[in-house]
Amino acid sequence: MTDKKKPGGERKSSGRGQRDLRVRVKSAKGRKLSSTLWLERQLNDPYVARAKRDGYRGRAAYKILELDDKYRFLVPGARVVDLGCAPGGWCQIAVGRVNALGEKSGKKVGRVLGVDLQEVDPIAGAEIHQLDFLADGADDQVKAWLGGRADVVMSDMAAASSGHKGTDHLRIVALIEAALAFAFDVLEPGGTFVAKVLAGGAENEMQALLKRNFRKVANVKPPASRSDSSEKFVVAQGFRGNGAADAALDEDDDGVDRLD
């Protein structure tokens, strides 16, 4: 059998000698197919491997890192509230960037306050509290812990999956609305609100509320988000301050950037 050659004399590979470098996970007794597929995806995810190498608690750390690289809201001295902070990747990024440990000489020292329904292992430079943010009085408790204004409110809160995309979308929109109501109460004028949302259409009212109260609103899918995920992130900057919503209604510019 003669070798097939490309023009110029190069051999055309049949591909038989190429190795599939993906890690394959064999099914195991008692383990669901969905669990096997999830494990296989984790083992082959470059962001998962990178997180382990860099000492971050999960791949989600790179989402907030990439958003901050673009929009620059985690600056030294900033006071940050991270809602839905488990397992702690966002807090880890925030601690470093706002200089919460005071390791950047000559820079202002920031503060990071994290809240989650689940218990979160301690993070140097961050104050972590276990709390159901949707419980009655929870927002007042977080305000008491904060003890003043915040420059950034971030929310990566997510409800347990129901298996129905429409229902999951409505649930996460409800979580974002709760986080946004809290942000309106505590944000310093000029502050930033960042939150995850699953695309689905029900967030239109929330987008309108954001553009009335912030000078710039961007809807972004950072590179660290999986391509098959419906998640995106809203980054709202330049909080107009309490009482500014009515005045903002008269502005012609909608202030909204579409998905990058």
Foldseek 3Di string as FASTA:
>chain_A
DDFDADPPGHTDDPCPPDDDPQDQFDDDPPDDPVVRVVVSCLRRDPLNVVCVVVVAPGSCLVVVVQVCVPVVQLAAAFEEEEEQQPQPSVVQNSCVHNVLVVPDPPTHHYAYEYEHCDDYPDDPSYHYDHDDCPDPPNLVVVCVVSVAAGQEYEYADFDPDPVDVVVRQVVQLVVVVSSVVSNLVHHDQFGKYKYKGFDDPPCPVVLQQLLLFAQAKEWEDDPSDDPPGRMIMIMGGRGHHPPRNVVSVPDPDSRYHYYD
